[in-house]
Amino acid sequence: MSKLRDLKGLGPKSEQMLVGVGINTEEELRDLGAIRAYIRLKSGSSAKPSLNFLYAMVGALEGEHWLKVAKHEKSQLLMELEGYKELEALFKAEGVAFEE
């Protein structure tokens, strides 16, 4: 099992933030996905991540630099993130717990 800090673009601070919300390994991050991990960080971490951290997680999973991800995938990632926010709002309006 590889450590999160060993992924391209992530370091000890990134790893600490992810471990703090229950994401301990590359496999767990990969299974959850960068968008869901970012949402978990936003809601469960005292240190609120920036969008650059989202791009860094995507880059880490794809083996790309976060700036390349930001340049080429920014619109798609922001639309996915917005979709999760809308889904969460819908679940809350219905009184159903939203599982990330």
PDB file of N, CA and C in Angstrom:
ATOM      1  N   MET A   1       0.837  -1.177   0.000  1.00  0.00           N
ATOM      2  CA  MET A   1       0.000   0.000   0.000  1.00  0.00           C
ATOM      3  C   MET A   1       0.884   1.243   0.000  1.00  0.00           C
ATOM      4  N   SER A   2       0.675   2.118  -0.955  1.00  0.00           N
ATOM      5  CA  SER A   2       1.498   3.319  -1.007  1.00  0.00           C
ATOM      6  C   SER A   2       0.909   4.422  -0.130  1.00  0.00           C
ATOM      7  N   LYS A   3       1.797   5.272   0.345  1.00  0.00           N
ATOM      8  CA  LYS A   3       1.371   6.393   1.176  1.00  0.00           C
ATOM      9  C   LYS A   3       0.860   7.507   0.277  1.00  0.00           C
ATOM     10  N   LEU A   4      -0.067   8.270   0.808  1.00  0.00           N
ATOM     11  CA  LEU A   4      -0.625   9.387   0.048  1.00  0.00           C
ATOM     12  C   LEU A   4       0.448  10.404  -0.317  1.00  0.00           C
ATOM     13  N   ARG A   5       1.384  10.638   0.584  1.00  0.00           N
ATOM     14  CA  ARG A   5       2.434  11.631   0.337  1.00  0.00           C
ATOM     15  C   ARG A   5       3.359  11.231  -0.801  1.00  0.00           C
ATOM     16  N   ASP A   6       3.334   9.962  -1.191  1.00  0.00           N
ATOM     17  CA  ASP A   6       4.176   9.495  -2.287  1.00  0.00           C
ATOM     18  C   ASP A   6       3.567   9.750  -3.657  1.00  0.00           C
ATOM     19  N   LEU A   7       2.293  10.139  -3.684  1.00  0.00           N
ATOM     20  CA  LEU A   7       1.646  10.440  -4.956  1.00  0.00           C
ATOM     21  C   LEU A   7       2.133  11.788  -5.481  1.00  0.00           C
ATOM     22  N   LYS A   8       2.251  11.893  -6.783  1.00  0.00           N
ATOM     23  CA  LYS A   8       2.711  13.130  -7.416  1.00  0.00           C
ATOM     24  C   LYS A   8       1.808  14.292  -7.015  1.00  0.00           C
ATOM     25  N   GLY A   9       2.407  15.335  -6.473  1.00  0.00           N
ATOM     26  CA  GLY A   9       1.671  16.540  -6.124  1.00  0.00           C
ATOM     27  C   GLY A   9       1.112  16.572  -4.713  1.00  0.00           C
ATOM     28  N   LEU A  10       1.186  15.470  -3.986  1.00  0.00           N
ATOM     29  CA  LEU A  10       0.732  15.453  -2.601  1.00  0.00           C
ATOM     30  C   LEU A  10       1.950  15.307  -1.695  1.00  0.00           C
ATOM     31  N   GLY A  11       1.878  15.926  -0.557  1.00  0.00           N
ATOM     32  CA  GLY A  11       2.977  15.849   0.392  1.00  0.00           C
ATOM     33  C   GLY A  11       2.450  15.527   1.776  1.00  0.00           C
ATOM     34  N   PRO A  12       3.300  15.690   2.784  1.00  0.00           N
ATOM     35  CA  PRO A  12       2.901  15.365   4.157  1.00  0.00           C
ATOM     36  C   PRO A  12       1.672  16.137   4.646  1.00  0.00           C
ATOM     37  N   LYS A  13       1.566  17.418   4.305  1.00  0.00           N
ATOM     38  CA  LYS A  13       0.414  18.216   4.749  1.00  0.00           C
ATOM     39  C   LYS A  13      -0.873  17.708   4.088  1.00  0.00           C
ATOM     40  N   SER A  14      -0.806  17.406   2.805  1.00  0.00           N
ATOM     41  CA  SER A  14      -1.969  16.864   2.096  1.00  0.00           C
ATOM     42  C   SER A  14      -2.378  15.537   2.705  1.00  0.00           C
ATOM     43  N   GLU A  15      -1.386  14.702   2.959  1.00  0.00           N
ATOM     44  CA  GLU A  15      -1.656  13.397   3.561  1.00  0.00           C
ATOM     45  C   GLU A  15      -2.315  13.574   4.927  1.00  0.00           C
ATOM     46  N   GLN A  16      -1.819  14.493   5.726  1.00  0.00           N
ATOM     47  CA  GLN A  16      -2.364  14.732   7.061  1.00  0.00           C
ATOM     48  C   GLN A  16      -3.835  15.160   6.972  1.00  0.00           C
ATOM     49  N   MET A  17      -4.143  16.034   6.020  1.00  0.00           N
ATOM     50  CA  MET A  17      -5.528  16.484   5.855  1.00  0.00           C
ATOM     51  C   MET A  17      -6.432  15.321   5.452  1.00  0.00           C
ATOM     52  N   LEU A  18      -5.970  14.508   4.521  1.00  0.00           N
ATOM     53  CA  LEU A  18      -6.774  13.383   4.055  1.00  0.00           C
ATOM     54  C   LEU A  18      -6.970  12.334   5.152  1.00  0.00           C
ATOM     55  N   VAL A  19      -5.904  12.017   5.870  1.00  0.00           N
ATOM     56  CA  VAL A  19      -6.005  11.058   6.968  1.00  0.00           C
ATOM     57  C   VAL A  19      -6.976  11.580   8.027  1.00  0.00           C
ATOM     58  N   GLY A  20      -6.979  12.884   8.222  1.00  0.00           N
ATOM     59  CA  GLY A  20      -7.878  13.496   9.204  1.00  0.00           C
ATOM     60  C   GLY A  20      -9.355  13.284   8.913  1.00  0.00           C
ATOM     61  N   VAL A  21      -9.682  12.991   7.654  1.00  0.00           N
ATOM     62  CA  VAL A  21     -11.085  12.723   7.305  1.00  0.00           C
ATOM     63  C   VAL A  21     -11.294  11.263   6.895  1.00  0.00           C
ATOM     64  N   GLY A  22     -10.334  10.409   7.292  1.00  0.00           N
ATOM     65  CA  GLY A  22     -10.515   8.977   7.094  1.00  0.00           C
ATOM     66  C   GLY A  22     -10.052   8.406   5.765  1.00  0.00           C
ATOM     67  N   ILE A  23      -9.259   9.161   5.023  1.00  0.00           N
ATOM     68  CA  ILE A  23      -8.702   8.672   3.758  1.00  0.00           C
ATOM     69  C   ILE A  23      -7.225   8.420   4.013  1.00  0.00           C
ATOM     70  N   ASN A  24      -6.861   7.144   4.156  1.00  0.00           N
ATOM     71  CA  ASN A  24      -5.522   6.796   4.627  1.00  0.00           C
ATOM     72  C   ASN A  24      -4.569   6.280   3.561  1.00  0.00           C
ATOM     73  N   THR A  25      -5.094   5.834   2.442  1.00  0.00           N
ATOM     74  CA  THR A  25      -4.245   5.220   1.425  1.00  0.00           C
ATOM     75  C   THR A  25      -4.619   5.698   0.033  1.00  0.00           C
ATOM     76  N   GLU A  26      -3.718   5.452  -0.898  1.00  0.00           N
ATOM     77  CA  GLU A  26      -4.014   5.757  -2.304  1.00  0.00           C
ATOM     78  C   GLU A  26      -5.261   5.009  -2.752  1.00  0.00           C
ATOM     79  N   GLU A  27      -5.384   3.770  -2.346  1.00  0.00           N
ATOM     80  CA  GLU A  27      -6.527   2.960  -2.742  1.00  0.00           C
ATOM     81  C   GLU A  27      -7.834   3.560  -2.240  1.00  0.00           C
ATOM     82  N   GLU A  28      -7.839   4.045  -1.012  1.00  0.00           N
ATOM     83  CA  GLU A  28      -9.046   4.676  -0.472  1.00  0.00           C
ATOM     84  C   GLU A  28      -9.374   5.960  -1.229  1.00  0.00           C
ATOM     85  N   LEU A  29      -8.351   6.746  -1.555  1.00  0.00           N
ATOM     86  CA  LEU A  29      -8.565   7.960  -2.322  1.00  0.00           C
ATOM     87  C   LEU A  29      -9.087   7.619  -3.709  1.00  0.00           C
ATOM     88  N   ARG A  30      -8.505   6.632  -4.329  1.00  0.00           N
ATOM     89  CA  ARG A  30      -8.923   6.213  -5.672  1.00  0.00           C
ATOM     90  C   ARG A  30     -10.369   5.704  -5.656  1.00  0.00           C
ATOM     91  N   ASP A  31     -10.719   4.894  -4.647  1.00  0.00           N
ATOM     92  CA  ASP A  31     -12.081   4.365  -4.539  1.00  0.00           C
ATOM     93  C   ASP A  31     -13.105   5.483  -4.314  1.00  0.00           C
ATOM     94  N   LEU A  32     -12.751   6.433  -3.485  1.00  0.00           N
ATOM     95  CA  LEU A  32     -13.656   7.538  -3.176  1.00  0.00           C
ATOM     96  C   LEU A  32     -13.726   8.525  -4.335  1.00  0.00           C
ATOM     97  N   GLY A  33     -12.587   8.778  -4.944  1.00  0.00           N
ATOM     98  CA  GLY A  33     -12.520   9.760  -6.032  1.00  0.00           C
ATOM     99  C   GLY A  33     -12.194  11.138  -5.490  1.00  0.00           C
ATOM    100  N   ALA A  34     -11.571  11.944  -6.316  1.00  0.00           N
ATOM    101  CA  ALA A  34     -11.117  13.263  -5.883  1.00  0.00           C
ATOM    102  C   ALA A  34     -12.261  14.189  -5.501  1.00  0.00           C
ATOM    103  N   ILE A  35     -13.360  14.160  -6.251  1.00  0.00           N
ATOM    104  CA  ILE A  35     -14.490  15.046  -5.951  1.00  0.00           C
ATOM    105  C   ILE A  35     -15.087  14.715  -4.581  1.00  0.00           C
ATOM    106  N   ARG A  36     -15.364  13.457  -4.349  1.00  0.00           N
ATOM    107  CA  ARG A  36     -15.953  13.069  -3.058  1.00  0.00           C
ATOM    108  C   ARG A  36     -14.967  13.293  -1.914  1.00  0.00           C
ATOM    109  N   ALA A  37     -13.681  13.078  -2.159  1.00  0.00           N
ATOM    110  CA  ALA A  37     -12.671  13.351  -1.131  1.00  0.00           C
ATOM    111  C   ALA A  37     -12.645  14.843  -0.809  1.00  0.00           C
ATOM    112  N   TYR A  38     -12.728  15.673  -1.832  1.00  0.00           N
ATOM    113  CA  TYR A  38     -12.736  17.134  -1.646  1.00  0.00           C
ATOM    114  C   TYR A  38     -13.957  17.561  -0.821  1.00  0.00           C
ATOM    115  N   ILE A  39     -15.114  17.000  -1.137  1.00  0.00           N
ATOM    116  CA  ILE A  39     -16.335  17.325  -0.384  1.00  0.00           C
ATOM    117  C   ILE A  39     -16.184  16.891   1.072  1.00  0.00           C
ATOM    118  N   ARG A  40     -15.613  15.728   1.278  1.00  0.00           N
ATOM    119  CA  ARG A  40     -15.385  15.250   2.648  1.00  0.00           C
ATOM    120  C   ARG A  40     -14.448  16.193   3.392  1.00  0.00           C
ATOM    121  N   LEU A  41     -13.409  16.650   2.712  1.00  0.00           N
ATOM    122  CA  LEU A  41     -12.479  17.602   3.332  1.00  0.00           C
ATOM    123  C   LEU A  41     -13.175  18.922   3.662  1.00  0.00           C
ATOM    124  N   LYS A  42     -13.995  19.406   2.733  1.00  0.00           N
ATOM    125  CA  LYS A  42     -14.691  20.677   2.962  1.00  0.00           C
ATOM    126  C   LYS A  42     -15.619  20.604   4.167  1.00  0.00           C
ATOM    127  N   SER A  43     -16.260  19.459   4.352  1.00  0.00           N
ATOM    128  CA  SER A  43     -17.225  19.360   5.442  1.00  0.00           C
ATOM    129  C   SER A  43     -16.630  18.822   6.741  1.00  0.00           C
ATOM    130  N   GLY A  44     -15.519  18.089   6.648  1.00  0.00           N
ATOM    131  CA  GLY A  44     -15.021  17.431   7.845  1.00  0.00           C
ATOM    132  C   GLY A  44     -13.665  17.862   8.341  1.00  0.00           C
ATOM    133  N   SER A  45     -13.081  18.879   7.719  1.00  0.00           N
ATOM    134  CA  SER A  45     -11.742  19.309   8.113  1.00  0.00           C
ATOM    135  C   SER A  45     -11.770  20.754   8.574  1.00  0.00           C
ATOM    136  N   SER A  46     -10.992  21.047   9.595  1.00  0.00           N
ATOM    137  CA  SER A  46     -10.908  22.438  10.052  1.00  0.00           C
ATOM    138  C   SER A  46     -10.105  23.291   9.076  1.00  0.00           C
ATOM    139  N   ALA A  47      -9.178  22.666   8.359  1.00  0.00           N
ATOM    140  CA  ALA A  47      -8.406  23.366   7.329  1.00  0.00           C
ATOM    141  C   ALA A  47      -9.126  23.176   6.002  1.00  0.00           C
ATOM    142  N   LYS A  48      -9.848  24.180   5.562  1.00  0.00           N
ATOM    143  CA  LYS A  48     -10.653  24.066   4.349  1.00  0.00           C
ATOM    144  C   LYS A  48      -9.759  24.060   3.110  1.00  0.00           C
ATOM    145  N   PRO A  49      -9.906  23.052   2.276  1.00  0.00           N
ATOM    146  CA  PRO A  49      -9.058  22.944   1.081  1.00  0.00           C
ATOM    147  C   PRO A  49      -9.490  23.917  -0.017  1.00  0.00           C
ATOM    148  N   SER A  50      -8.524  24.345  -0.797  1.00  0.00           N
ATOM    149  CA  SER A  50      -8.814  25.193  -1.949  1.00  0.00           C
ATOM    150  C   SER A  50      -9.112  24.303  -3.151  1.00  0.00           C
ATOM    151  N   LEU A  51      -9.573  24.915  -4.223  1.00  0.00           N
ATOM    152  CA  LEU A  51      -9.775  24.154  -5.455  1.00  0.00           C
ATOM    153  C   LEU A  51      -8.456  23.590  -5.965  1.00  0.00           C
ATOM    154  N   ASN A  52      -7.361  24.256  -5.670  1.00  0.00           N
ATOM    155  CA  ASN A  52      -6.058  23.727  -6.084  1.00  0.00           C
ATOM    156  C   ASN A  52      -5.797  22.352  -5.464  1.00  0.00           C
ATOM    157  N   PHE A  53      -6.314  22.142  -4.250  1.00  0.00           N
ATOM    158  CA  PHE A  53      -6.144  20.833  -3.626  1.00  0.00           C
ATOM    159  C   PHE A  53      -6.962  19.776  -4.368  1.00  0.00           C
ATOM    160  N   LEU A  54      -8.138  20.165  -4.850  1.00  0.00           N
ATOM    161  CA  LEU A  54      -8.920  19.249  -5.689  1.00  0.00           C
ATOM    162  C   LEU A  54      -8.118  18.876  -6.932  1.00  0.00           C
ATOM    163  N   TYR A  55      -7.548  19.874  -7.584  1.00  0.00           N
ATOM    164  CA  TYR A  55      -6.751  19.610  -8.786  1.00  0.00           C
ATOM    165  C   TYR A  55      -5.536  18.738  -8.450  1.00  0.00           C
ATOM    166  N   ALA A  56      -4.944  18.968  -7.280  1.00  0.00           N
ATOM    167  CA  ALA A  56      -3.782  18.164  -6.866  1.00  0.00           C
ATOM    168  C   ALA A  56      -4.169  16.705  -6.659  1.00  0.00           C
ATOM    169  N   MET A  57      -5.345  16.461  -6.077  1.00  0.00           N
ATOM    170  CA  MET A  57      -5.780  15.079  -5.880  1.00  0.00           C
ATOM    171  C   MET A  57      -6.062  14.396  -7.211  1.00  0.00           C
ATOM    172  N   VAL A  58      -6.704  15.110  -8.125  1.00  0.00           N
ATOM    173  CA  VAL A  58      -6.944  14.547  -9.460  1.00  0.00           C
ATOM    174  C   VAL A  58      -5.611  14.248 -10.131  1.00  0.00           C
ATOM    175  N   GLY A  59      -4.694  15.210 -10.062  1.00  0.00           N
ATOM    176  CA  GLY A  59      -3.374  15.017 -10.652  1.00  0.00           C
ATOM    177  C   GLY A  59      -2.643  13.839 -10.035  1.00  0.00           C
ATOM    178  N   ALA A  60      -2.750  13.699  -8.727  1.00  0.00           N
ATOM    179  CA  ALA A  60      -2.085  12.588  -8.039  1.00  0.00           C
ATOM    180  C   ALA A  60      -2.616  11.247  -8.531  1.00  0.00           C
ATOM    181  N   LEU A  61      -3.919  11.176  -8.734  1.00  0.00           N
ATOM    182  CA  LEU A  61      -4.527   9.925  -9.195  1.00  0.00           C
ATOM    183  C   LEU A  61      -4.239   9.653 -10.666  1.00  0.00           C
ATOM    184  N   GLU A  62      -4.007  10.717 -11.438  1.00  0.00           N
ATOM    185  CA  GLU A  62      -3.742  10.566 -12.867  1.00  0.00           C
ATOM    186  C   GLU A  62      -2.250  10.633 -13.212  1.00  0.00           C
ATOM    187  N   GLY A  63      -1.423  10.930 -12.213  1.00  0.00           N
ATOM    188  CA  GLY A  63       0.012  11.056 -12.462  1.00  0.00           C
ATOM    189  C   GLY A  63       0.376  12.322 -13.227  1.00  0.00           C
ATOM    190  N   GLU A  64      -0.427  13.373 -13.045  1.00  0.00           N
ATOM    191  CA  GLU A  64      -0.216  14.655 -13.730  1.00  0.00           C
ATOM    192  C   GLU A  64       0.044  15.766 -12.715  1.00  0.00           C
ATOM    193  N   HIS A  65       0.655  16.834 -13.161  1.00  0.00           N
ATOM    194  CA  HIS A  65       0.854  18.009 -12.308  1.00  0.00           C
ATOM    195  C   HIS A  65      -0.491  18.718 -12.144  1.00  0.00           C
ATOM    196  N   TRP A  66      -0.741  19.269 -10.960  1.00  0.00           N
ATOM    197  CA  TRP A  66      -2.031  19.893 -10.688  1.00  0.00           C
ATOM    198  C   TRP A  66      -2.323  21.067 -11.606  1.00  0.00           C
ATOM    199  N   LEU A  67      -1.304  21.788 -12.052  1.00  0.00           N
ATOM    200  CA  LEU A  67      -1.536  22.916 -12.961  1.00  0.00           C
ATOM    201  C   LEU A  67      -2.073  22.434 -14.308  1.00  0.00           C
ATOM    202  N   LYS A  68      -1.585  21.294 -14.757  1.00  0.00           N
ATOM    203  CA  LYS A  68      -2.082  20.724 -16.011  1.00  0.00           C
ATOM    204  C   LYS A  68      -3.547  20.312 -15.841  1.00  0.00           C
ATOM    205  N   VAL A  69      -3.857  19.718 -14.709  1.00  0.00           N
ATOM    206  CA  VAL A  69      -5.236  19.332 -14.414  1.00  0.00           C
ATOM    207  C   VAL A  69      -6.119  20.573 -14.385  1.00  0.00           C
ATOM    208  N   ALA A  70      -5.674  21.612 -13.680  1.00  0.00           N
ATOM    209  CA  ALA A  70      -6.451  22.844 -13.576  1.00  0.00           C
ATOM    210  C   ALA A  70      -6.709  23.444 -14.951  1.00  0.00           C
ATOM    211  N   LYS A  71      -5.731  23.375 -15.807  1.00  0.00           N
ATOM    212  CA  LYS A  71      -5.861  23.972 -17.140  1.00  0.00           C
ATOM    213  C   LYS A  71      -6.809  23.170 -18.030  1.00  0.00           C
ATOM    214  N   HIS A  72      -6.709  21.860 -17.980  1.00  0.00           N
ATOM    215  CA  HIS A  72      -7.442  21.023 -18.927  1.00  0.00           C
ATOM    216  C   HIS A  72      -8.759  20.437 -18.396  1.00  0.00           C
ATOM    217  N   GLU A  73      -8.893  20.326 -17.090  1.00  0.00           N
ATOM    218  CA  GLU A  73     -10.069  19.642 -16.532  1.00  0.00           C
ATOM    219  C   GLU A  73     -10.892  20.524 -15.595  1.00  0.00           C
ATOM    220  N   LYS A  74     -10.520  21.786 -15.462  1.00  0.00           N
ATOM    221  CA  LYS A  74     -11.159  22.677 -14.495  1.00  0.00           C
ATOM    222  C   LYS A  74     -12.674  22.741 -14.679  1.00  0.00           C
ATOM    223  N   SER A  75     -13.142  22.993 -15.880  1.00  0.00           N
ATOM    224  CA  SER A  75     -14.581  23.136 -16.118  1.00  0.00           C
ATOM    225  C   SER A  75     -15.335  21.862 -15.772  1.00  0.00           C
ATOM    226  N   GLN A  76     -14.823  20.732 -16.189  1.00  0.00           N
ATOM    227  CA  GLN A  76     -15.464  19.452 -15.916  1.00  0.00           C
ATOM    228  C   GLN A  76     -15.531  19.191 -14.412  1.00  0.00           C
ATOM    229  N   LEU A  77     -14.427  19.435 -13.720  1.00  0.00           N
ATOM    230  CA  LEU A  77     -14.391  19.199 -12.272  1.00  0.00           C
ATOM    231  C   LEU A  77     -15.348  20.123 -11.530  1.00  0.00           C
ATOM    232  N   LEU A  78     -15.415  21.376 -11.946  1.00  0.00           N
ATOM    233  CA  LEU A  78     -16.324  22.316 -11.292  1.00  0.00           C
ATOM    234  C   LEU A  78     -17.783  21.926 -11.525  1.00  0.00           C
ATOM    235  N   MET A  79     -18.097  21.416 -12.725  1.00  0.00           N
ATOM    236  CA  MET A  79     -19.461  20.951 -12.995  1.00  0.00           C
ATOM    237  C   MET A  79     -19.802  19.731 -12.140  1.00  0.00           C
ATOM    238  N   GLU A  80     -18.862  18.809 -11.991  1.00  0.00           N
ATOM    239  CA  GLU A  80     -19.083  17.634 -11.144  1.00  0.00           C
ATOM    240  C   GLU A  80     -19.291  18.058  -9.692  1.00  0.00           C
ATOM    241  N   LEU A  81     -18.475  18.985  -9.239  1.00  0.00           N
ATOM    242  CA  LEU A  81     -18.586  19.474  -7.868  1.00  0.00           C
ATOM    243  C   LEU A  81     -19.943  20.131  -7.643  1.00  0.00           C
ATOM    244  N   GLU A  82     -20.378  20.936  -8.590  1.00  0.00           N
ATOM    245  CA  GLU A  82     -21.683  21.596  -8.496  1.00  0.00           C
ATOM    246  C   GLU A  82     -22.808  20.561  -8.484  1.00  0.00           C
ATOM    247  N   GLY A  83     -22.650  19.503  -9.277  1.00  0.00           N
ATOM    248  CA  GLY A  83     -23.648  18.434  -9.296  1.00  0.00           C
ATOM    249  C   GLY A  83     -23.790  17.766  -7.937  1.00  0.00           C
ATOM    250  N   TYR A  84     -22.675  17.537  -7.266  1.00  0.00           N
ATOM    251  CA  TYR A  84     -22.721  16.950  -5.921  1.00  0.00           C
ATOM    252  C   TYR A  84     -23.407  17.899  -4.945  1.00  0.00           C
ATOM    253  N   LYS A  85     -23.138  19.196  -5.075  1.00  0.00           N
ATOM    254  CA  LYS A  85     -23.769  20.171  -4.177  1.00  0.00           C
ATOM    255  C   LYS A  85     -25.277  20.199  -4.387  1.00  0.00           C
ATOM    256  N   GLU A  86     -25.715  20.136  -5.653  1.00  0.00           N
ATOM    257  CA  GLU A  86     -27.142  20.129  -5.954  1.00  0.00           C
ATOM    258  C   GLU A  86     -27.800  18.858  -5.421  1.00  0.00           C
ATOM    259  N   LEU A  87     -27.138  17.740  -5.574  1.00  0.00           N
ATOM    260  CA  LEU A  87     -27.657  16.470  -5.079  1.00  0.00           C
ATOM    261  C   LEU A  87     -27.779  16.497  -3.558  1.00  0.00           C
ATOM    262  N   GLU A  88     -26.768  17.039  -2.903  1.00  0.00           N
ATOM    263  CA  GLU A  88     -26.802  17.144  -1.445  1.00  0.00           C
ATOM    264  C   GLU A  88     -27.972  18.022  -0.997  1.00  0.00           C
ATOM    265  N   ALA A  89     -28.188  19.141  -1.682  1.00  0.00           N
ATOM    266  CA  ALA A  89     -29.294  20.033  -1.341  1.00  0.00           C
ATOM    267  C   ALA A  89     -30.636  19.336  -1.543  1.00  0.00           C
ATOM    268  N   LEU A  90     -30.763  18.558  -2.600  1.00  0.00           N
ATOM    269  CA  LEU A  90     -31.986  17.814  -2.866  1.00  0.00           C
ATOM    270  C   LEU A  90     -32.253  16.799  -1.754  1.00  0.00           C
ATOM    271  N   PHE A  91     -31.222  16.072  -1.362  1.00  0.00           N
ATOM    272  CA  PHE A  91     -31.381  15.089  -0.289  1.00  0.00           C
ATOM    273  C   PHE A  91     -31.774  15.784   1.019  1.00  0.00           C
ATOM    274  N   LYS A  92     -31.154  16.915   1.316  1.00  0.00           N
ATOM    275  CA  LYS A  92     -31.476  17.635   2.546  1.00  0.00           C
ATOM    276  C   LYS A  92     -32.933  18.105   2.522  1.00  0.00           C
ATOM    277  N   ALA A  93     -33.381  18.605   1.366  1.00  0.00           N
ATOM    278  CA  ALA A  93     -34.761  19.071   1.229  1.00  0.00           C
ATOM    279  C   ALA A  93     -35.764  17.936   1.430  1.00  0.00           C
ATOM    280  N   GLU A  94     -35.362  16.735   1.050  1.00  0.00           N
ATOM    281  CA  GLU A  94     -36.212  15.558   1.196  1.00  0.00           C
ATOM    282  C   GLU A  94     -36.090  14.937   2.593  1.00  0.00           C
ATOM    283  N   GLY A  95     -35.145  15.438   3.400  1.00  0.00           N
ATOM    284  CA  GLY A  95     -34.945  14.913   4.738  1.00  0.00           C
ATOM    285  C   GLY A  95     -34.182  13.596   4.761  1.00  0.00           C
ATOM    286  N   VAL A  96     -33.392  13.359   3.719  1.00  0.00           N
ATOM    287  CA  VAL A  96     -32.621  12.126   3.590  1.00  0.00           C
ATOM    288  C   VAL A  96     -31.151  12.442   3.810  1.00  0.00           C
ATOM    289  N   ALA A  97     -30.456  11.596   4.570  1.00  0.00           N
ATOM    290  CA  ALA A  97     -29.020  11.791   4.786  1.00  0.00           C
ATOM    291  C   ALA A  97     -28.272  11.596   3.476  1.00  0.00           C
ATOM    292  N   PHE A  98     -27.361  12.476   3.183  1.00  0.00           N
ATOM    293  CA  PHE A  98     -26.568  12.406   1.958  1.00  0.00           C
ATOM    294  C   PHE A  98     -25.268  11.683   2.260  1.00  0.00           C
ATOM    295  N   GLU A  99     -25.020  10.589   1.586  1.00  0.00           N
ATOM    296  CA  GLU A  99     -23.786   9.841   1.745  1.00  0.00           C
ATOM    297  C   GLU A  99     -22.791  10.318   0.706  1.00  0.00           C
ATOM    298  N   GLU A 100     -21.648  10.755   1.155  1.00  0.00           N
ATOM    299  CA  GLU A 100     -20.618  11.200   0.210  1.00  0.00           C
ATOM    300  C   GLU A 100     -19.811  10.079  -0.311  1.00  0.00           C
TER     301      GLU A 100
END
